Protein backbone atom coordinates (compact mmCIF):
# COMPACT_ATOMS: atom_id res chain seq x y z
CA MET A 1 -74.39 89.87 -33.80
CA CYS A 2 -71.70 90.14 -31.12
CA LYS A 3 -70.10 87.42 -29.05
CA LYS A 4 -68.71 88.16 -25.58
CA ILE A 5 -65.23 86.69 -25.30
CA HIS A 6 -63.61 88.40 -22.27
CA VAL A 7 -64.65 90.12 -19.07
CA SER A 8 -62.19 92.32 -17.15
CA ASP A 9 -62.22 95.18 -14.63
CA GLU A 10 -62.14 97.71 -17.47
CA GLY A 11 -65.19 96.39 -19.27
CA VAL A 12 -66.57 93.62 -21.47
CA LEU A 13 -64.83 92.64 -24.69
CA PHE A 14 -67.14 91.68 -27.56
CA LEU A 15 -66.29 90.16 -30.93
CA GLN A 16 -68.50 91.09 -33.87
CA GLN A 17 -69.06 88.05 -36.04
CA ASN A 18 -69.28 88.74 -39.75
CA PRO A 19 -68.34 86.52 -42.70
CA CYS A 20 -66.22 89.32 -44.19
CA LEU A 21 -65.17 91.43 -41.21
CA CYS A 22 -64.15 90.61 -37.67
CA ASP A 23 -63.96 93.64 -35.35
CA ALA A 24 -63.22 93.64 -31.63
CA TYR A 25 -64.92 96.14 -29.35
CA LEU A 26 -64.51 97.01 -25.69
CA LEU A 27 -67.70 97.97 -23.90
CA CYS A 28 -66.66 100.30 -21.07
CA ALA A 29 -69.13 100.15 -18.18
CA GLU A 30 -68.16 103.61 -16.90
CA LYS A 31 -68.68 105.51 -20.18
CA SER A 32 -71.45 103.24 -21.56
CA ARG A 33 -69.90 103.07 -24.98
CA CYS A 34 -67.89 100.70 -27.15
CA TYR A 35 -64.26 101.20 -28.21
CA LYS A 36 -63.02 99.53 -31.36
CA ILE A 37 -59.88 97.53 -30.55
CA ALA A 38 -58.48 95.93 -33.70
CA PRO A 39 -60.03 95.42 -37.14
CA ARG A 40 -59.18 92.11 -38.78
CA PHE A 41 -60.05 91.17 -42.36
CA TYR A 42 -60.59 87.73 -43.75
CA ILE A 43 -58.13 86.90 -46.50
CA GLY A 44 -59.37 83.94 -48.45
CA GLY A 45 -61.36 82.73 -45.46
CA SER A 46 -58.47 83.02 -42.99
CA LEU A 47 -57.14 85.43 -40.37
CA LEU A 48 -53.47 86.40 -40.38
CA SER A 49 -51.16 88.08 -37.88
CA ARG A 50 -47.43 88.62 -37.57
CA VAL A 51 -45.32 88.98 -34.41
CA LEU A 52 -41.61 89.73 -34.22
CA SER A 53 -39.63 87.49 -31.92
CA SER A 54 -36.05 86.29 -31.72
CA ALA A 55 -33.86 83.27 -31.08
CA VAL A 56 -30.19 82.84 -30.23
CA LEU A 57 -27.61 81.08 -32.37
CA GLY A 58 -24.35 80.85 -30.48
CA VAL A 59 -24.15 84.09 -28.49
CA ASP A 60 -25.84 86.23 -31.14
CA ALA A 61 -29.56 86.68 -31.73
CA TYR A 62 -31.48 86.71 -35.00
CA THR A 63 -35.02 87.85 -35.80
CA VAL A 64 -37.80 85.29 -36.03
CA GLU A 65 -41.14 86.22 -37.59
CA VAL A 66 -43.99 84.37 -35.90
CA GLU A 67 -46.80 84.17 -38.47
CA VAL A 68 -50.20 82.91 -37.31
CA ASP A 69 -52.87 81.78 -39.75
CA ILE A 70 -56.36 80.87 -38.49
CA ARG A 71 -58.92 79.48 -40.92
CA HIS A 72 -62.18 77.55 -40.73
CA GLY A 73 -61.79 73.81 -40.45
CA LEU A 74 -61.37 70.99 -38.00
CA PRO A 75 -59.59 72.15 -34.81
CA SER A 76 -55.83 71.66 -35.18
CA PHE A 77 -52.59 73.38 -34.23
CA ALA A 78 -49.53 72.98 -36.45
CA THR A 79 -46.13 74.63 -35.94
CA VAL A 80 -43.77 74.76 -38.92
CA GLY A 81 -40.33 76.27 -39.44
CA LEU A 82 -38.04 73.55 -38.03
CA PRO A 83 -39.30 73.62 -34.42
CA GLU A 84 -37.69 71.28 -31.91
CA ALA A 85 -39.64 69.39 -29.23
CA ALA A 86 -39.99 72.26 -26.72
CA VAL A 87 -41.34 74.55 -29.45
CA LYS A 88 -43.84 71.96 -30.66
CA GLU A 89 -45.13 71.50 -27.13
CA SER A 90 -45.89 75.22 -26.88
CA LYS A 91 -49.36 74.67 -28.37
CA ASP A 92 -50.58 73.06 -25.13
CA ARG A 93 -49.07 75.79 -22.96
CA VAL A 94 -50.45 78.54 -25.21
CA LYS A 95 -53.95 77.09 -25.29
CA SER A 96 -54.15 76.72 -21.51
CA ALA A 97 -52.62 80.16 -20.92
CA ILE A 98 -55.13 81.87 -23.24
CA ASN A 99 -58.14 80.07 -21.75
CA ASN A 100 -57.01 80.56 -18.13
CA SER A 101 -56.37 84.26 -18.77
CA GLY A 102 -60.03 84.75 -19.66
CA TYR A 103 -59.80 84.74 -23.45
CA LYS A 104 -61.22 82.28 -25.94
CA PHE A 105 -58.90 79.97 -27.79
CA PRO A 106 -60.23 79.61 -31.36
CA ASP A 107 -61.71 76.24 -32.32
CA ASP A 108 -60.32 76.46 -35.83
CA ARG A 109 -57.36 75.33 -37.87
CA ILE A 110 -54.26 77.19 -36.62
CA THR A 111 -50.93 77.23 -38.41
CA VAL A 112 -47.88 78.91 -36.88
CA ASN A 113 -44.83 79.55 -39.04
CA LEU A 114 -41.44 80.45 -37.54
CA ALA A 115 -39.41 82.21 -40.20
CA PRO A 116 -36.67 81.81 -41.34
CA ALA A 117 -37.71 78.22 -41.81
CA ASP A 118 -34.22 76.86 -42.56
CA ILE A 119 -32.85 77.37 -39.00
CA LYS A 120 -33.84 74.97 -36.24
CA LYS A 121 -35.76 76.72 -33.45
CA GLU A 122 -35.34 75.67 -29.84
CA GLY A 123 -36.42 76.81 -26.40
CA THR A 124 -39.67 77.99 -24.88
CA GLY A 125 -39.36 81.70 -25.67
CA PHE A 126 -41.86 81.50 -28.54
CA ASP A 127 -44.84 80.80 -26.23
CA LEU A 128 -45.64 84.47 -25.67
CA PRO A 129 -45.35 85.65 -29.30
CA ILE A 130 -47.46 82.70 -30.48
CA ALA A 131 -50.17 83.51 -27.92
CA LEU A 132 -50.16 87.20 -28.88
CA GLY A 133 -50.27 86.23 -32.55
CA ILE A 134 -53.37 84.11 -31.98
CA LEU A 135 -55.08 86.89 -30.03
CA ALA A 136 -54.15 89.39 -32.74
CA ALA A 137 -55.46 87.11 -35.48
CA THR A 138 -58.81 86.78 -33.69
CA GLY A 139 -59.05 90.57 -33.29
CA VAL A 140 -58.41 90.87 -29.58
CA LEU A 141 -55.17 92.79 -30.06
CA PRO A 142 -54.05 95.53 -32.46
CA GLN A 143 -51.37 94.43 -34.88
CA GLY A 144 -49.19 97.54 -34.81
CA LEU A 145 -47.17 97.07 -31.61
CA LEU A 146 -46.45 93.43 -32.41
CA THR A 147 -44.03 94.44 -35.16
CA GLU A 148 -42.40 97.30 -33.24
CA TYR A 149 -40.99 95.13 -30.44
CA LEU A 150 -39.12 91.86 -30.24
CA ILE A 151 -41.24 89.66 -27.99
CA LEU A 152 -40.21 86.52 -26.15
CA GLY A 153 -41.28 84.64 -23.04
CA GLU A 154 -42.42 81.27 -21.76
CA LEU A 155 -46.02 80.82 -20.64
CA SER A 156 -47.25 78.78 -17.70
CA LEU A 157 -50.65 77.12 -17.84
CA ASP A 158 -52.26 79.87 -15.77
CA GLY A 159 -50.97 82.66 -18.01
CA ARG A 160 -47.91 83.73 -16.04
CA ILE A 161 -44.89 84.77 -18.11
CA LYS A 162 -41.77 82.87 -17.09
CA PRO A 163 -38.12 83.82 -17.71
CA VAL A 164 -36.15 82.70 -20.76
CA ARG A 165 -32.51 82.58 -21.82
CA GLY A 166 -30.63 84.96 -24.08
CA SER A 167 -32.33 88.26 -23.25
CA LEU A 168 -29.16 90.34 -23.61
CA PRO A 169 -28.32 89.22 -27.19
CA VAL A 170 -31.97 89.84 -28.15
CA ALA A 171 -31.83 93.36 -26.70
CA LEU A 172 -28.68 94.06 -28.72
CA LEU A 173 -30.48 92.79 -31.83
CA ALA A 174 -33.47 95.06 -31.17
CA ARG A 175 -31.17 98.06 -30.92
CA ASP A 176 -29.16 97.19 -34.03
CA SER A 177 -32.36 96.50 -36.02
CA GLY A 178 -33.79 99.94 -35.26
CA LEU A 179 -36.84 98.57 -33.45
CA ARG A 180 -38.67 100.40 -30.70
CA GLY A 181 -37.65 97.86 -28.08
CA MET A 182 -38.49 94.44 -26.69
CA ILE A 183 -41.09 92.82 -24.47
CA LEU A 184 -40.00 90.03 -22.16
CA PRO A 185 -40.58 88.46 -18.72
CA LYS A 186 -40.13 90.55 -15.60
CA GLU A 187 -37.18 88.45 -14.40
CA ASN A 188 -35.17 89.22 -17.56
CA ALA A 189 -35.85 92.96 -17.64
CA ARG A 190 -32.72 94.16 -15.82
CA GLU A 191 -30.49 92.03 -17.98
CA ALA A 192 -31.90 93.53 -21.19
CA ALA A 193 -32.09 97.09 -19.84
CA VAL A 194 -28.29 97.47 -19.87
CA VAL A 195 -28.66 98.10 -23.61
CA ASP A 196 -29.45 101.76 -24.19
CA SER A 197 -31.56 103.40 -26.94
CA ILE A 198 -34.41 100.87 -26.71
CA GLU A 199 -37.52 100.39 -24.56
CA VAL A 200 -37.46 97.30 -22.40
CA LEU A 201 -41.01 96.42 -21.32
CA SER A 202 -41.78 93.55 -19.00
CA ALA A 203 -44.94 91.86 -17.78
CA THR A 204 -45.81 89.12 -15.33
CA THR A 205 -48.99 87.75 -16.94
CA LEU A 206 -50.49 87.40 -20.39
CA GLY A 207 -53.56 89.38 -19.35
CA GLU A 208 -51.43 92.31 -18.23
CA LEU A 209 -49.68 92.39 -21.59
CA VAL A 210 -52.96 92.19 -23.54
CA GLU A 211 -54.33 95.16 -21.64
CA PHE A 212 -51.16 97.11 -22.43
CA MET A 213 -51.48 96.28 -26.12
CA CYS A 214 -55.08 97.49 -26.05
CA GLY A 215 -54.10 100.75 -24.38
CA LEU A 216 -55.80 99.94 -21.08
CA ARG A 217 -52.73 99.61 -18.87
CA PRO A 218 -49.40 101.46 -18.98
CA ILE A 219 -46.09 99.63 -18.61
CA GLN A 220 -43.08 101.68 -17.63
CA PRO A 221 -39.84 100.82 -19.44
CA GLU A 222 -37.20 99.17 -17.29
CA SER A 223 -34.03 101.16 -16.59
CA VAL A 224 -30.77 100.39 -14.82
CA ASP A 225 -27.85 102.52 -13.67
CA ILE A 226 -24.74 101.01 -15.25
CA GLN A 227 -22.40 103.00 -13.05
CA ALA A 228 -24.22 101.84 -9.92
CA ILE A 229 -24.00 98.23 -11.09
CA PHE A 230 -20.22 98.43 -11.38
CA GLN A 231 -19.87 100.34 -8.12
CA GLY A 232 -21.99 97.71 -6.38
CA THR A 233 -19.60 94.91 -7.32
CA PRO A 234 -18.76 93.11 -4.06
CA PRO A 235 -15.06 93.10 -3.10
CA TYR A 236 -13.06 89.87 -3.12
CA GLU A 237 -12.91 88.02 0.18
CA ILE A 238 -9.42 86.67 -0.54
CA ASP A 239 -6.08 88.49 -0.83
CA PHE A 240 -2.51 87.78 -1.89
CA CYS A 241 -1.24 88.84 1.54
CA GLU A 242 -2.74 85.61 2.92
CA VAL A 243 -0.19 83.54 0.98
CA LYS A 244 2.94 82.83 3.01
CA GLY A 245 6.23 82.97 1.14
CA GLN A 246 6.32 82.14 -2.59
CA GLU A 247 7.42 85.66 -3.49
CA HIS A 248 8.83 84.60 -6.85
CA VAL A 249 5.50 82.94 -7.73
CA LYS A 250 3.62 86.10 -6.79
CA ARG A 251 5.95 88.01 -9.07
CA ALA A 252 5.25 85.59 -11.92
CA LEU A 253 1.50 85.94 -11.42
CA GLU A 254 1.85 89.72 -11.36
CA VAL A 255 3.61 89.58 -14.73
CA ALA A 256 0.92 87.21 -16.03
CA ALA A 257 -1.90 89.53 -14.91
CA ALA A 258 -0.17 92.59 -16.35
CA GLY A 259 0.18 91.06 -19.81
CA GLY A 260 -2.66 88.53 -19.91
CA HIS A 261 -0.23 85.61 -20.12
CA ASN A 262 -1.00 81.92 -19.53
CA VAL A 263 0.68 80.29 -16.52
CA ILE A 264 1.51 76.80 -15.31
CA MET A 265 2.67 76.12 -11.75
CA ILE A 266 4.44 72.90 -10.81
CA GLY A 267 5.15 71.86 -7.25
CA PRO A 268 4.43 69.33 -4.48
CA PRO A 269 1.05 69.03 -2.74
CA GLY A 270 0.38 71.74 -0.17
CA ALA A 271 2.78 74.26 -1.69
CA GLY A 272 -0.04 76.74 -2.34
CA LYS A 273 -0.65 76.38 -6.09
CA THR A 274 -4.44 76.43 -5.81
CA MET A 275 -4.37 79.19 -3.22
CA LEU A 276 -2.25 81.37 -5.50
CA ALA A 277 -4.37 80.65 -8.57
CA LYS A 278 -7.62 81.62 -6.85
CA ARG A 279 -6.13 84.97 -5.89
CA LEU A 280 -5.07 85.81 -9.42
CA ALA A 281 -8.51 87.27 -10.14
CA THR A 282 -8.02 89.82 -7.34
CA ILE A 283 -5.15 91.52 -9.21
CA LEU A 284 -6.62 91.53 -12.72
CA PRO A 285 -7.66 94.90 -14.18
CA PRO A 286 -11.35 95.83 -13.72
CA ILE A 287 -13.58 94.52 -16.48
CA THR A 288 -14.67 97.17 -18.97
CA PHE A 289 -18.30 97.68 -20.04
CA GLU A 290 -17.62 96.20 -23.49
CA GLU A 291 -15.95 93.14 -21.95
CA ALA A 292 -18.82 92.82 -19.47
CA ILE A 293 -21.32 92.76 -22.34
CA GLU A 294 -19.33 90.07 -24.18
CA THR A 295 -19.05 87.90 -21.07
CA THR A 296 -22.66 88.44 -20.01
CA LYS A 297 -23.89 87.25 -23.42
CA VAL A 298 -22.32 83.84 -22.77
CA TYR A 299 -23.89 83.58 -19.32
CA SER A 300 -27.22 84.84 -20.69
CA VAL A 301 -27.59 82.13 -23.34
CA LEU A 302 -26.92 79.52 -20.65
CA GLY A 303 -29.37 81.09 -18.17
CA MET A 304 -26.66 81.54 -15.53
CA LEU A 305 -27.26 85.19 -14.62
CA GLY A 306 -30.08 84.80 -12.13
CA ASP A 307 -32.95 87.21 -11.49
CA SER A 308 -31.08 90.03 -9.77
CA ARG A 309 -27.84 90.28 -11.77
CA ALA A 310 -27.86 92.46 -14.88
CA LEU A 311 -24.18 92.19 -15.83
CA VAL A 312 -21.12 90.11 -15.06
CA THR A 313 -19.05 92.81 -13.36
CA ASN A 314 -16.20 90.62 -12.08
CA ARG A 315 -13.82 88.80 -14.36
CA PRO A 316 -14.89 85.13 -14.41
CA PHE A 317 -12.87 82.49 -12.59
CA ARG A 318 -13.78 78.96 -13.67
CA SER A 319 -12.26 75.82 -12.17
CA PRO A 320 -13.73 72.66 -13.76
CA HIS A 321 -13.06 69.22 -12.29
CA HIS A 322 -10.56 67.00 -14.06
CA THR A 323 -13.32 64.52 -15.01
CA ILE A 324 -14.86 67.06 -17.42
CA SER A 325 -15.44 65.95 -21.01
CA ASP A 326 -14.15 67.72 -24.08
CA ALA A 327 -17.69 68.95 -24.84
CA GLY A 328 -17.99 70.34 -21.32
CA LEU A 329 -14.66 72.13 -21.59
CA ILE A 330 -14.75 73.43 -25.14
CA GLY A 331 -18.51 73.36 -25.74
CA GLY A 332 -20.70 71.06 -27.79
CA GLY A 333 -23.81 68.94 -27.78
CA HIS A 334 -26.50 68.24 -30.38
CA ILE A 335 -27.20 71.97 -30.41
CA PRO A 336 -23.75 73.35 -29.46
CA ARG A 337 -23.60 75.12 -26.10
CA PRO A 338 -20.73 77.16 -24.67
CA GLY A 339 -18.20 75.29 -22.56
CA GLU A 340 -15.94 76.31 -19.70
CA VAL A 341 -13.51 78.10 -22.02
CA SER A 342 -16.30 80.44 -23.12
CA LEU A 343 -17.56 80.90 -19.57
CA SER A 344 -14.00 82.02 -18.78
CA HIS A 345 -14.07 84.67 -21.54
CA ASN A 346 -12.25 87.81 -20.34
CA GLY A 347 -11.34 85.95 -17.15
CA VAL A 348 -9.39 82.98 -15.82
CA LEU A 349 -9.69 79.25 -16.53
CA PHE A 350 -7.95 77.28 -13.78
CA LEU A 351 -7.11 73.63 -14.43
CA ASP A 352 -5.89 72.04 -11.22
CA GLU A 353 -3.98 68.76 -11.49
CA LEU A 354 -3.53 69.25 -15.23
CA PRO A 355 -2.16 65.76 -16.03
CA GLU A 356 -5.29 64.20 -14.48
CA PHE A 357 -7.41 65.62 -17.29
CA LYS A 358 -7.90 63.31 -20.25
CA LYS A 359 -5.34 64.05 -22.90
CA ASN A 360 -7.91 64.54 -25.66
CA VAL A 361 -9.70 67.05 -23.40
CA ILE A 362 -6.76 69.36 -22.75
CA GLU A 363 -5.55 69.12 -26.33
CA VAL A 364 -8.73 70.87 -27.54
CA LEU A 365 -7.48 73.97 -25.72
CA ARG A 366 -4.96 74.68 -28.48
CA GLN A 367 -7.31 76.69 -30.73
CA PRO A 368 -8.90 78.94 -28.09
CA MET A 369 -5.53 79.63 -26.47
CA GLU A 370 -4.11 80.70 -29.82
CA ASP A 371 -7.10 82.41 -31.48
CA GLY A 372 -9.29 83.63 -28.61
CA TYR A 373 -12.38 81.83 -29.88
CA VAL A 374 -13.64 78.31 -30.42
CA THR A 375 -15.58 77.03 -33.43
CA ILE A 376 -17.90 74.04 -33.04
CA ALA A 377 -18.97 72.45 -36.32
CA ARG A 378 -22.03 70.26 -36.72
CA ALA A 379 -23.79 68.83 -39.75
CA LEU A 380 -26.36 71.64 -39.95
CA THR A 381 -24.44 74.58 -38.55
CA SER A 382 -21.13 75.91 -37.32
CA ILE A 383 -21.09 78.13 -34.22
CA THR A 384 -18.27 80.30 -32.91
CA TYR A 385 -18.03 81.19 -29.23
CA PRO A 386 -15.63 83.72 -27.67
CA ALA A 387 -12.81 82.26 -25.58
CA ARG A 388 -10.26 84.97 -24.87
CA LEU A 389 -8.99 83.82 -21.50
CA MET A 390 -6.01 83.39 -19.21
CA LEU A 391 -5.18 79.74 -18.66
CA VAL A 392 -3.76 78.96 -15.22
CA ALA A 393 -2.73 75.35 -14.70
CA ALA A 394 -1.24 73.51 -11.75
CA MET A 395 0.41 70.10 -11.57
CA ASN A 396 2.59 67.92 -9.38
CA PRO A 397 6.11 67.06 -10.59
CA CYS A 398 5.31 63.33 -10.45
CA PRO A 399 2.40 60.98 -9.56
CA CYS A 400 3.25 60.96 -5.85
CA GLY A 401 3.97 64.67 -5.94
CA TYR A 402 7.33 64.76 -4.16
CA PHE A 403 9.88 64.57 -6.97
CA SER A 404 12.76 66.99 -6.16
CA ASP A 405 11.18 67.82 -2.78
CA PRO A 406 14.00 67.82 -0.15
CA ASN A 407 11.58 67.08 2.69
CA HIS A 408 9.87 64.00 1.21
CA GLU A 409 11.12 60.95 -0.62
CA CYS A 410 9.70 60.35 -4.09
CA THR A 411 8.44 56.78 -4.62
CA CYS A 412 7.90 57.08 -8.38
CA THR A 413 10.02 55.34 -10.98
CA TYR A 414 11.43 57.16 -13.97
CA THR A 415 8.90 55.43 -16.23
CA LYS A 416 5.98 56.60 -14.10
CA ILE A 417 7.29 60.15 -14.00
CA HIS A 418 7.83 60.20 -17.75
CA ARG A 419 4.35 58.79 -18.44
CA TYR A 420 2.79 61.27 -16.03
CA ARG A 421 4.46 64.31 -17.56
CA SER A 422 4.01 63.20 -21.16
CA LYS A 423 0.24 63.64 -20.75
CA ILE A 424 0.94 67.31 -21.51
CA SER A 425 2.08 67.66 -25.09
CA GLY A 426 4.85 69.94 -26.26
CA PRO A 427 2.53 72.07 -28.48
CA LEU A 428 0.24 72.72 -25.51
CA MET A 429 3.18 73.59 -23.27
CA ASP A 430 4.46 75.98 -25.95
CA ARG A 431 1.21 77.92 -25.71
CA ILE A 432 1.67 78.50 -21.97
CA ASP A 433 3.76 81.63 -21.60
CA ILE A 434 4.98 81.38 -18.01
CA HIS A 435 6.27 78.22 -16.30
CA VAL A 436 7.04 78.61 -12.61
CA GLU A 437 8.11 76.17 -9.92
CA VAL A 438 6.28 76.32 -6.59
CA PRO A 439 8.43 74.69 -3.87
CA ALA A 440 7.17 73.60 -0.47
CA VAL A 441 6.82 76.46 2.02
CA SER A 442 9.39 76.53 4.80
CA TYR A 443 8.55 76.95 8.47
CA LYS A 444 10.26 80.34 8.49
CA ASP A 445 7.84 81.63 5.87
CA LEU A 446 4.82 80.07 7.58
CA ALA A 447 5.68 81.63 10.94
CA GLY A 448 6.70 84.99 9.48
CA GLN A 449 4.99 88.29 10.09
CA ASP A 450 1.99 89.32 8.00
CA ASP A 451 3.82 92.03 6.06
CA ALA A 452 3.28 90.56 2.60
CA VAL A 453 2.17 92.76 -0.27
CA THR A 454 -1.60 92.99 -0.72
CA SER A 455 -3.69 92.43 -3.82
CA VAL A 456 -4.50 96.15 -3.92
CA ASP A 457 -0.81 97.04 -4.22
CA ILE A 458 -0.20 94.48 -6.95
CA LYS A 459 -3.36 95.49 -8.82
CA GLU A 460 -2.24 99.10 -8.91
CA ARG A 461 0.97 98.14 -10.73
CA VAL A 462 -0.95 95.83 -13.04
CA ASN A 463 -3.40 98.60 -13.94
CA GLN A 464 -0.55 100.95 -14.78
CA ALA A 465 1.02 98.35 -17.06
CA ARG A 466 -2.32 97.63 -18.76
CA ALA A 467 -2.88 101.36 -19.29
CA THR A 468 0.49 101.55 -21.05
CA GLN A 469 -0.44 98.61 -23.26
CA SER A 470 -3.87 100.06 -24.07
CA GLU A 471 -2.28 103.31 -25.20
CA ARG A 472 0.27 101.44 -27.31
CA LEU A 473 -2.34 99.14 -28.88
CA LYS A 474 -5.23 101.61 -29.09
CA ARG A 475 -5.43 101.40 -32.89
CA THR A 476 -5.74 97.61 -32.83
CA LYS A 477 -8.43 95.21 -31.62
CA ILE A 478 -6.27 93.75 -28.84
CA HIS A 479 -5.84 94.93 -25.28
CA CYS A 480 -2.72 93.29 -23.83
CA ASN A 481 0.73 92.01 -24.76
CA ALA A 482 -0.25 88.34 -24.78
CA GLN A 483 -2.55 88.96 -27.76
CA MET A 484 0.11 90.53 -30.00
CA ASN A 485 0.74 88.90 -33.38
CA ASN A 486 4.10 88.52 -35.11
CA ARG A 487 3.94 91.90 -36.80
CA GLN A 488 3.18 93.67 -33.52
CA ILE A 489 5.92 91.72 -31.72
CA LYS A 490 8.41 92.89 -34.34
CA ARG A 491 7.25 96.48 -33.94
CA TYR A 492 6.96 96.77 -30.16
CA CYS A 493 9.48 94.20 -28.89
CA SER A 494 12.77 95.27 -30.44
CA VAL A 495 15.83 94.39 -28.33
CA ASP A 496 19.46 95.48 -28.12
CA SER A 497 22.61 93.43 -28.80
CA ASP A 498 22.97 92.17 -25.21
CA SER A 499 19.40 90.89 -25.28
CA HIS A 500 20.05 89.18 -28.61
CA ALA A 501 22.97 87.32 -27.05
CA LEU A 502 20.81 86.14 -24.16
CA LEU A 503 18.09 84.95 -26.50
CA GLU A 504 20.56 83.07 -28.70
CA ALA A 505 22.01 81.25 -25.69
CA ALA A 506 18.53 80.38 -24.43
CA ILE A 507 17.43 78.91 -27.75
CA ASP A 508 20.61 76.83 -28.07
CA LYS A 509 20.62 75.48 -24.51
CA LEU A 510 16.88 75.12 -23.80
CA GLY A 511 15.86 74.06 -27.28
CA LEU A 512 13.07 76.61 -27.43
CA SER A 513 10.65 76.66 -30.35
CA ALA A 514 9.82 79.70 -32.47
CA ARG A 515 6.56 80.09 -30.55
CA ALA A 516 8.46 80.03 -27.23
CA PHE A 517 10.87 82.66 -28.62
CA ASN A 518 7.96 85.01 -29.39
CA ARG A 519 6.44 84.42 -25.96
CA ILE A 520 9.71 85.38 -24.27
CA LEU A 521 9.61 88.67 -26.14
CA LYS A 522 6.01 89.27 -25.08
CA ILE A 523 6.80 88.53 -21.43
CA ALA A 524 9.84 90.82 -21.57
CA ARG A 525 7.64 93.59 -22.99
CA THR A 526 5.24 93.11 -20.07
CA ILE A 527 8.05 93.22 -17.50
CA ALA A 528 9.26 96.46 -19.07
CA ASP A 529 5.73 97.86 -18.89
CA LEU A 530 5.57 97.06 -15.17
CA GLU A 531 8.71 99.15 -14.75
CA GLN A 532 7.26 101.82 -17.08
CA ALA A 533 10.34 101.37 -19.28
CA ALA A 534 10.10 102.44 -22.92
CA ASP A 535 12.54 99.82 -24.24
CA ILE A 536 13.19 96.17 -23.42
CA ALA A 537 16.50 95.75 -21.58
CA ALA A 538 18.70 92.70 -21.01
CA HIS A 539 17.42 92.13 -17.47
CA HIS A 540 13.85 92.03 -18.80
CA ILE A 541 14.87 89.30 -21.25
CA SER A 542 16.72 87.45 -18.47
CA GLU A 543 13.67 87.35 -16.21
CA ALA A 544 11.44 86.31 -19.11
CA ILE A 545 13.76 83.39 -19.95
CA GLN A 546 13.50 82.17 -16.36
CA TYR A 547 9.77 81.75 -16.88
CA ARG A 548 10.47 79.12 -19.56
CA SER A 549 12.43 76.85 -17.20
CA LEU A 550 9.78 74.14 -17.39
CA ASP A 551 9.82 73.92 -21.16
CA ARG A 552 9.67 70.54 -22.81
CA SER A 553 13.40 70.11 -23.30
CA THR A 554 13.97 70.27 -19.52
CA LEU A 555 10.69 69.11 -18.08
CA PHE A 556 10.14 66.01 -20.14
CA THR A 557 13.61 64.52 -20.44
């Protein structure tokens, strides 16, 4: 006895009902014969299937086995394996999607297990593997392909497959696990296809994917041209030549870009601090493919890539408002999500009006600025997100903004100024390599000719300096001078007797800390690299010391 369960353009799908054996057949109208689709055996009165899927923890993916058990009994649908609310609700989406795609949803007792069961599952990406598991358990689909691919996707009620988050980390997992590839929504295909050595298959509807699994419809693997993606990166619409005057600030930002150093600019309103900071990204070295993958993973898990973008090919520039919370800046939540520091990974985090941020918010920057990552601990798990960034901060010298400005009178009292500046702690200021004053622009500079140096010219020098650093540090895991540790500083930042005398005077007069001393050496090494000098000279040390003029001993007294 056979039961018709699906009608399609290719033929009629029948299900043979037998207490011991359940076989699916496809009756092809053109050839007038039946094709056996997938044999399924009862095991203790139940039908079993297994589908490989994945979930994301932090910015890395892990394998999730979706096990479906269907047995005789009152109709029910239970999902186990620590599912959160969105996963539990998938049963209604899956049932409607299967029925509206022309297949029969079984009126039996269904149990879905998401293994490993000790990790909380979230998101809607399990809809598609659960639906395929049910169809495989009832004999509609063959089991083989379901364990050769990582499958994820959200289902709409009419059977359409909707995009999900975290496709890139899942693609990397499929490659590292030695699987054939992954199956995912059409909108996520380009993002996953940047990973080579795997097949990336995409579909728009559940019915289309079922026909592929049954061998009735081919699906071509998605492919992207990595070189074309990088070549298609749009140019910046801003340039350093648009900034009038402030040549010493441009020089400081060039040094910062060449060595990956953190910067703080202090000056009155309208001096051009924000304008200069936004143009810093235009002189940074091009992002490498490895850095692009790391950065794209963060944007992928947050669903911030969009449908058309496969990779983040420009270094990020993030500028959060000063009302941001510590969780928004550093990351957090019930299930920890990346914050602005992770979205700035391999790029720039710009904090305008730094003292306006809550003190507890900016103090959480200490760890990522020092270590290049941020760890968020919760009761059930601890997640680490990448946060290797350049911090660029801007602030006024006082609440009214005109302290030490010769053209405006400051109305702030000493107490107000001290309270305003003390919002930035000494340890945080120590972690900022370059301090530079940005005075008001004079009329002569504003009315001058447009003969300023362009971002292209500055970027060329920066790239040369970075190439020197990459060659020097090629046997390490770091890429620029700002990331050097104490051992590397001792090895690559040796100085002569004249430089030692300058450093001794600076420490005695400015009251610099040991961390500030090391940062001066790093900056001097970068200045020497810009000049393509093999050794650090006294004038390199002298310029580097000037970039500590806003240290705590002078700024906060």
